[in-house]
Amino acid sequence: MAQTGDPQGTGAGGSELPDLKGEFTFRRGRDSGFVPVENSGPGLRGIMGSIPVVTQPDAQMFVTADFKTSAQGLFCPGVAGMARAGSPDSANSQFYLMMGQNDNLNGAYTVFGRVVQGLDVVSALKAGNDANDGAVGPDADVMTRARLASAMPEAERPTIRVAVPGSAPFNAAVEAARAAKGASFSICDVQPPVQGG
């Protein structure tokens, strides 16, 4: 992962704003837009918006009071997550962009978005080694500015069209990934197709 967002530049700081409560799971209803892609291992895996998700099948909703079932975002390449200290409710300003898959983060850190265009830029950032807990050192790439498209002034927002899960372009991308990966295919191999920029 590539982590940034520390105003002190030390990796241990945060903003003056209050910490955020952890959001590791959520309740998914039938109208959530979830599209199943993979049914291997524990849980049903698919895409909701552009986020890879693991959840229980819709049939489970019939035995819950709110007619919803539990779900959680998965840490696949391009997913954006909130960094935190030891407390589950300590996320502040630091966040990270996934460069690979890390199942150890699933259900323990908050997923809040996904890089849908420019994943090649994220993948090209210098990586640290495990011996230094991932720290790159003095030659680390520096993110000087990061913004969500939704937070940008409308005139500055890029125009990007992301394939809707379940649409023909999305299904074609899933099948292409499935064919390329064969038996090792997983939900983390699915990148939603985009147009524009």
C-alpha atoms as a PDB file:
ATOM      1  CA  MET A   1       0.000   0.000   0.000  1.00  0.00           C
ATOM      2  CA  ALA A   2       0.983   3.640  -0.364  1.00  0.00           C
ATOM      3  CA  GLN A   3       0.120   5.657   2.742  1.00  0.00           C
ATOM      4  CA  THR A   4      -0.138   9.420   3.092  1.00  0.00           C
ATOM      5  CA  GLY A   5      -2.161  12.113   4.863  1.00  0.00           C
ATOM      6  CA  ASP A   6       0.084  12.897   7.847  1.00  0.00           C
ATOM      7  CA  PRO A   7       0.384  16.698   8.111  1.00  0.00           C
ATOM      8  CA  GLN A   8       3.601  16.234  10.129  1.00  0.00           C
ATOM      9  CA  GLY A   9       5.214  13.929   7.580  1.00  0.00           C
ATOM     10  CA  THR A  10       6.317  11.471  10.267  1.00  0.00           C
ATOM     11  CA  GLY A  11       3.721   8.764   9.727  1.00  0.00           C
ATOM     12  CA  ALA A  12       2.474   9.195  13.296  1.00  0.00           C
ATOM     13  CA  GLY A  13       0.499  12.456  13.070  1.00  0.00           C
ATOM     14  CA  GLY A  14      -3.049  13.449  12.329  1.00  0.00           C
ATOM     15  CA  SER A  15      -5.171  16.527  11.789  1.00  0.00           C
ATOM     16  CA  GLU A  16      -6.802  18.715  14.411  1.00  0.00           C
ATOM     17  CA  LEU A  17     -10.182  17.268  13.422  1.00  0.00           C
ATOM     18  CA  PRO A  18     -11.800  14.572  15.586  1.00  0.00           C
ATOM     19  CA  ASP A  19     -10.997  10.921  14.929  1.00  0.00           C
ATOM     20  CA  LEU A  20     -13.453   8.857  12.901  1.00  0.00           C
ATOM     21  CA  LYS A  21     -15.416   5.867  14.146  1.00  0.00           C
ATOM     22  CA  GLY A  22     -14.399   2.662  12.401  1.00  0.00           C
ATOM     23  CA  GLU A  23     -16.793   1.427   9.724  1.00  0.00           C
ATOM     24  CA  PHE A  24     -15.600  -2.093   9.028  1.00  0.00           C
ATOM     25  CA  THR A  25     -18.938  -3.649   8.061  1.00  0.00           C
ATOM     26  CA  PHE A  26     -22.284  -2.361   6.866  1.00  0.00           C
ATOM     27  CA  ARG A  27     -25.816  -3.601   6.261  1.00  0.00           C
ATOM     28  CA  ARG A  28     -26.631  -4.340   2.619  1.00  0.00           C
ATOM     29  CA  GLY A  29     -30.175  -4.305   1.284  1.00  0.00           C
ATOM     30  CA  ARG A  30     -31.541  -5.829  -1.931  1.00  0.00           C
ATOM     31  CA  ASP A  31     -31.473  -2.388  -3.593  1.00  0.00           C
ATOM     32  CA  SER A  32     -27.763  -1.764  -2.859  1.00  0.00           C
ATOM     33  CA  GLY A  33     -26.583  -2.451  -6.406  1.00  0.00           C
ATOM     34  CA  PHE A  34     -24.463  -5.421  -5.321  1.00  0.00           C
ATOM     35  CA  VAL A  35     -23.553  -7.759  -8.219  1.00  0.00           C
ATOM     36  CA  PRO A  36     -22.178 -11.209  -7.319  1.00  0.00           C
ATOM     37  CA  VAL A  37     -18.992 -12.214  -9.137  1.00  0.00           C
ATOM     38  CA  GLU A  38     -17.435 -15.053  -7.162  1.00  0.00           C
ATOM     39  CA  ASN A  39     -18.845 -17.692  -4.823  1.00  0.00           C
ATOM     40  CA  SER A  40     -15.732 -19.359  -3.471  1.00  0.00           C
ATOM     41  CA  GLY A  41     -14.525 -19.389   0.086  1.00  0.00           C
ATOM     42  CA  PRO A  42     -16.549 -17.882   2.893  1.00  0.00           C
ATOM     43  CA  GLY A  43     -19.198 -15.436   1.721  1.00  0.00           C
ATOM     44  CA  LEU A  44     -20.462 -14.217  -1.619  1.00  0.00           C
ATOM     45  CA  ARG A  45     -18.006 -11.839  -3.326  1.00  0.00           C
ATOM     46  CA  GLY A  46     -18.957  -9.149  -5.796  1.00  0.00           C
ATOM     47  CA  ILE A  47     -18.913  -5.458  -6.633  1.00  0.00           C
ATOM     48  CA  MET A  48     -21.038  -2.683  -5.152  1.00  0.00           C
ATOM     49  CA  GLY A  49     -20.490   0.568  -7.046  1.00  0.00           C
ATOM     50  CA  SER A  50     -16.789   0.133  -7.721  1.00  0.00           C
ATOM     51  CA  ILE A  51     -15.909  -1.487  -4.374  1.00  0.00           C
ATOM     52  CA  PRO A  52     -15.168  -5.213  -4.017  1.00  0.00           C
ATOM     53  CA  VAL A  53     -17.403  -6.597  -1.265  1.00  0.00           C
ATOM     54  CA  VAL A  54     -17.969  -9.857   0.599  1.00  0.00           C
ATOM     55  CA  THR A  55     -21.460 -10.455   1.933  1.00  0.00           C
ATOM     56  CA  GLN A  56     -24.093 -13.043   2.692  1.00  0.00           C
ATOM     57  CA  PRO A  57     -26.545 -14.059  -0.056  1.00  0.00           C
ATOM     58  CA  ASP A  58     -29.821 -12.148  -0.451  1.00  0.00           C
ATOM     59  CA  ALA A  59     -31.709 -15.136   0.971  1.00  0.00           C
ATOM     60  CA  GLN A  60     -30.183 -14.323   4.377  1.00  0.00           C
ATOM     61  CA  MET A  61     -32.145 -11.037   4.366  1.00  0.00           C
ATOM     62  CA  PHE A  62     -35.409 -12.895   4.936  1.00  0.00           C
ATOM     63  CA  VAL A  63     -34.359 -13.904   8.462  1.00  0.00           C
ATOM     64  CA  THR A  64     -33.258 -10.444   9.647  1.00  0.00           C
ATOM     65  CA  ALA A  65     -35.466  -7.778  11.220  1.00  0.00           C
ATOM     66  CA  ASP A  66     -34.248  -5.034   8.854  1.00  0.00           C
ATOM     67  CA  PHE A  67     -34.297  -7.251   5.708  1.00  0.00           C
ATOM     68  CA  LYS A  68     -30.588  -6.579   5.220  1.00  0.00           C
ATOM     69  CA  THR A  69     -27.459  -8.664   5.552  1.00  0.00           C
ATOM     70  CA  SER A  70     -23.924  -7.877   6.692  1.00  0.00           C
ATOM     71  CA  ALA A  71     -21.208  -6.938   4.211  1.00  0.00           C
ATOM     72  CA  GLN A  72     -17.682  -5.534   4.212  1.00  0.00           C
ATOM     73  CA  GLY A  73     -15.356  -3.922   1.687  1.00  0.00           C
ATOM     74  CA  LEU A  74     -12.319  -5.898   0.568  1.00  0.00           C
ATOM     75  CA  PHE A  75      -8.754  -4.585   0.295  1.00  0.00           C
ATOM     76  CA  CYS A  76      -7.929  -5.223  -3.354  1.00  0.00           C
ATOM     77  CA  PRO A  77      -5.649  -3.199  -5.688  1.00  0.00           C
ATOM     78  CA  GLY A  78      -6.853   0.395  -5.971  1.00  0.00           C
ATOM     79  CA  VAL A  79      -9.027   0.351  -2.845  1.00  0.00           C
ATOM     80  CA  ALA A  80      -8.658   3.373  -0.550  1.00  0.00           C
ATOM     81  CA  GLY A  81      -8.712   2.734   3.184  1.00  0.00           C
ATOM     82  CA  MET A  82      -8.361   4.767   6.359  1.00  0.00           C
ATOM     83  CA  ALA A  83      -5.173   4.264   8.353  1.00  0.00           C
ATOM     84  CA  ARG A  84      -5.530   4.180  12.131  1.00  0.00           C
ATOM     85  CA  ALA A  85      -3.673   3.588  15.376  1.00  0.00           C
ATOM     86  CA  GLY A  86      -4.452   0.644  17.676  1.00  0.00           C
ATOM     87  CA  SER A  87      -7.971   1.791  18.535  1.00  0.00           C
ATOM     88  CA  PRO A  88     -10.594   0.863  15.924  1.00  0.00           C
ATOM     89  CA  ASP A  89     -11.983   4.405  16.230  1.00  0.00           C
ATOM     90  CA  SER A  90      -8.697   6.294  15.715  1.00  0.00           C
ATOM     91  CA  ALA A  91      -8.723   7.019  11.963  1.00  0.00           C
ATOM     92  CA  ASN A  92      -7.999  10.692  11.302  1.00  0.00           C
ATOM     93  CA  SER A  93      -6.229  12.135   8.265  1.00  0.00           C
ATOM     94  CA  GLN A  94      -4.003   9.297   7.103  1.00  0.00           C
ATOM     95  CA  PHE A  95      -5.163   6.955   4.385  1.00  0.00           C
ATOM     96  CA  TYR A  96      -3.680   4.452   1.999  1.00  0.00           C
ATOM     97  CA  LEU A  97      -4.132   3.228  -1.540  1.00  0.00           C
ATOM     98  CA  MET A  98      -3.782  -0.498  -2.079  1.00  0.00           C
ATOM     99  CA  MET A  99      -1.107  -1.647  -4.519  1.00  0.00           C
ATOM    100  CA  GLY A 100      -2.004  -5.310  -4.051  1.00  0.00           C
ATOM    101  CA  GLN A 101      -4.441  -7.540  -2.186  1.00  0.00           C
ATOM    102  CA  ASN A 102      -4.250  -7.784   1.612  1.00  0.00           C
ATOM    103  CA  ASP A 103      -6.899  -9.983   3.234  1.00  0.00           C
ATOM    104  CA  ASN A 104      -5.540  -9.189   6.735  1.00  0.00           C
ATOM    105  CA  LEU A 105      -7.057  -5.693   6.465  1.00  0.00           C
ATOM    106  CA  ASN A 106     -10.559  -6.943   5.611  1.00  0.00           C
ATOM    107  CA  GLY A 107     -12.988  -6.238   8.440  1.00  0.00           C
ATOM    108  CA  ALA A 108     -10.359  -4.370  10.471  1.00  0.00           C
ATOM    109  CA  TYR A 109      -9.973  -1.108   8.515  1.00  0.00           C
ATOM    110  CA  THR A 110     -12.455   1.218   6.814  1.00  0.00           C
ATOM    111  CA  VAL A 111     -12.796   1.086   3.019  1.00  0.00           C
ATOM    112  CA  PHE A 112     -13.905   4.466   1.655  1.00  0.00           C
ATOM    113  CA  GLY A 113     -13.258   4.426  -2.076  1.00  0.00           C
ATOM    114  CA  ARG A 114     -11.375   3.053  -5.026  1.00  0.00           C
ATOM    115  CA  VAL A 115      -9.003   4.362  -7.672  1.00  0.00           C
ATOM    116  CA  VAL A 116     -10.951   3.741 -10.876  1.00  0.00           C
ATOM    117  CA  GLN A 117      -8.502   5.494 -13.196  1.00  0.00           C
ATOM    118  CA  GLY A 118      -4.757   5.888 -12.728  1.00  0.00           C
ATOM    119  CA  LEU A 119      -4.027   2.647 -10.896  1.00  0.00           C
ATOM    120  CA  ASP A 120      -0.823   2.477 -12.958  1.00  0.00           C
ATOM    121  CA  VAL A 121       0.346   5.628 -11.139  1.00  0.00           C
ATOM    122  CA  VAL A 122      -0.382   4.064  -7.739  1.00  0.00           C
ATOM    123  CA  SER A 123       1.410   0.870  -8.768  1.00  0.00           C
ATOM    124  CA  ALA A 124       4.481   2.885  -9.868  1.00  0.00           C
ATOM    125  CA  LEU A 125       5.012   4.459  -6.414  1.00  0.00           C
ATOM    126  CA  LYS A 126       8.198   3.295  -4.689  1.00  0.00           C
ATOM    127  CA  ALA A 127       7.624   0.400  -2.327  1.00  0.00           C
ATOM    128  CA  GLY A 128       9.386  -0.251   0.960  1.00  0.00           C
ATOM    129  CA  ASN A 129      10.398  -3.617   2.321  1.00  0.00           C
ATOM    130  CA  ASP A 130       8.919  -5.751   5.071  1.00  0.00           C
ATOM    131  CA  ALA A 131      12.030  -5.391   7.255  1.00  0.00           C
ATOM    132  CA  ASN A 132      11.308  -1.658   7.590  1.00  0.00           C
ATOM    133  CA  ASP A 133       7.535  -2.146   8.057  1.00  0.00           C
ATOM    134  CA  GLY A 134       7.036  -0.909   4.493  1.00  0.00           C
ATOM    135  CA  ALA A 135       8.837   2.420   4.993  1.00  0.00           C
ATOM    136  CA  VAL A 136      10.561   3.589   1.804  1.00  0.00           C
ATOM    137  CA  GLY A 137      13.046   5.991   3.385  1.00  0.00           C
ATOM    138  CA  PRO A 138      14.421   9.313   2.166  1.00  0.00           C
ATOM    139  CA  ASP A 139      13.732   8.537  -1.513  1.00  0.00           C
ATOM    140  CA  ALA A 140      10.006   8.003  -0.913  1.00  0.00           C
ATOM    141  CA  ASP A 141       7.560   9.437  -3.398  1.00  0.00           C
ATOM    142  CA  VAL A 142       5.566  12.279  -1.852  1.00  0.00           C
ATOM    143  CA  MET A 143       1.884  12.896  -2.421  1.00  0.00           C
ATOM    144  CA  THR A 144       1.506  16.653  -2.250  1.00  0.00           C
ATOM    145  CA  ARG A 145      -2.190  16.687  -2.985  1.00  0.00           C
ATOM    146  CA  ALA A 146      -4.955  14.095  -3.032  1.00  0.00           C
ATOM    147  CA  ARG A 147      -8.615  14.832  -3.621  1.00  0.00           C
ATOM    148  CA  LEU A 148     -11.771  12.864  -4.128  1.00  0.00           C
ATOM    149  CA  ALA A 149     -13.576  13.809  -7.322  1.00  0.00           C
ATOM    150  CA  SER A 150     -16.712  14.400  -5.238  1.00  0.00           C
ATOM    151  CA  ALA A 151     -14.863  17.055  -3.202  1.00  0.00           C
ATOM    152  CA  MET A 152     -13.531  18.949  -6.227  1.00  0.00           C
ATOM    153  CA  PRO A 153     -15.237  22.048  -7.622  1.00  0.00           C
ATOM    154  CA  GLU A 154     -17.546  20.915 -10.411  1.00  0.00           C
ATOM    155  CA  ALA A 155     -15.567  22.760 -13.099  1.00  0.00           C
ATOM    156  CA  GLU A 156     -12.389  20.836 -12.121  1.00  0.00           C
ATOM    157  CA  ARG A 157     -13.904  17.357 -11.842  1.00  0.00           C
ATOM    158  CA  PRO A 158     -12.714  14.827 -14.399  1.00  0.00           C
ATOM    159  CA  THR A 159     -15.448  13.308 -16.505  1.00  0.00           C
ATOM    160  CA  ILE A 160     -15.171   9.583 -16.021  1.00  0.00           C
ATOM    161  CA  ARG A 161     -17.752   6.977 -16.845  1.00  0.00           C
ATOM    162  CA  VAL A 162     -17.469   3.799 -14.792  1.00  0.00           C
ATOM    163  CA  ALA A 163     -19.233   0.680 -16.052  1.00  0.00           C
ATOM    164  CA  VAL A 164     -22.231  -0.219 -13.930  1.00  0.00           C
ATOM    165  CA  PRO A 165     -21.837  -3.620 -12.244  1.00  0.00           C
ATOM    166  CA  GLY A 166     -23.934  -6.123 -14.156  1.00  0.00           C
ATOM    167  CA  SER A 167     -23.788  -4.145 -17.429  1.00  0.00           C
ATOM    168  CA  ALA A 168     -22.418  -5.687 -20.633  1.00  0.00           C
ATOM    169  CA  PRO A 169     -19.017  -3.870 -20.424  1.00  0.00           C
ATOM    170  CA  PHE A 170     -18.659  -4.817 -16.751  1.00  0.00           C
ATOM    171  CA  ASN A 171     -19.585  -8.460 -17.383  1.00  0.00           C
ATOM    172  CA  ALA A 172     -17.121  -8.587 -20.300  1.00  0.00           C
ATOM    173  CA  ALA A 173     -14.337  -7.289 -18.009  1.00  0.00           C
ATOM    174  CA  VAL A 174     -15.191  -9.929 -15.393  1.00  0.00           C
ATOM    175  CA  GLU A 175     -15.127 -12.716 -17.979  1.00  0.00           C
ATOM    176  CA  ALA A 176     -11.825 -11.455 -19.435  1.00  0.00           C
ATOM    177  CA  ALA A 177     -10.262 -11.440 -15.942  1.00  0.00           C
ATOM    178  CA  ARG A 178     -11.698 -14.889 -15.227  1.00  0.00           C
ATOM    179  CA  ALA A 179     -10.263 -16.260 -18.485  1.00  0.00           C
ATOM    180  CA  ALA A 180      -6.849 -14.669 -17.863  1.00  0.00           C
ATOM    181  CA  LYS A 181      -6.555 -15.903 -14.266  1.00  0.00           C
ATOM    182  CA  GLY A 182      -8.179 -19.319 -14.621  1.00  0.00           C
ATOM    183  CA  ALA A 183      -8.439 -21.212 -11.346  1.00  0.00           C
ATOM    184  CA  SER A 184      -6.695 -18.418  -9.415  1.00  0.00           C
ATOM    185  CA  PHE A 185      -9.387 -15.825 -10.325  1.00  0.00           C
ATOM    186  CA  SER A 186     -10.687 -13.721  -7.432  1.00  0.00           C
ATOM    187  CA  ILE A 187     -12.797 -10.612  -6.951  1.00  0.00           C
ATOM    188  CA  CYS A 188      -9.542  -8.628  -6.641  1.00  0.00           C
ATOM    189  CA  ASP A 189      -8.845  -9.321 -10.327  1.00  0.00           C
ATOM    190  CA  VAL A 190     -11.902  -7.278 -11.351  1.00  0.00           C
ATOM    191  CA  GLN A 191     -11.230  -3.635 -12.256  1.00  0.00           C
ATOM    192  CA  PRO A 192     -14.394  -1.800 -13.356  1.00  0.00           C
ATOM    193  CA  PRO A 193     -13.998  -0.519 -16.943  1.00  0.00           C
ATOM    194  CA  VAL A 194     -13.809   3.278 -17.279  1.00  0.00           C
ATOM    195  CA  GLN A 195     -13.983   5.821 -20.078  1.00  0.00           C
ATOM    196  CA  GLY A 196     -12.834   9.440 -20.056  1.00  0.00           C
ATOM    197  CA  GLY A 197     -10.500  11.312 -17.816  1.00  0.00           C
END
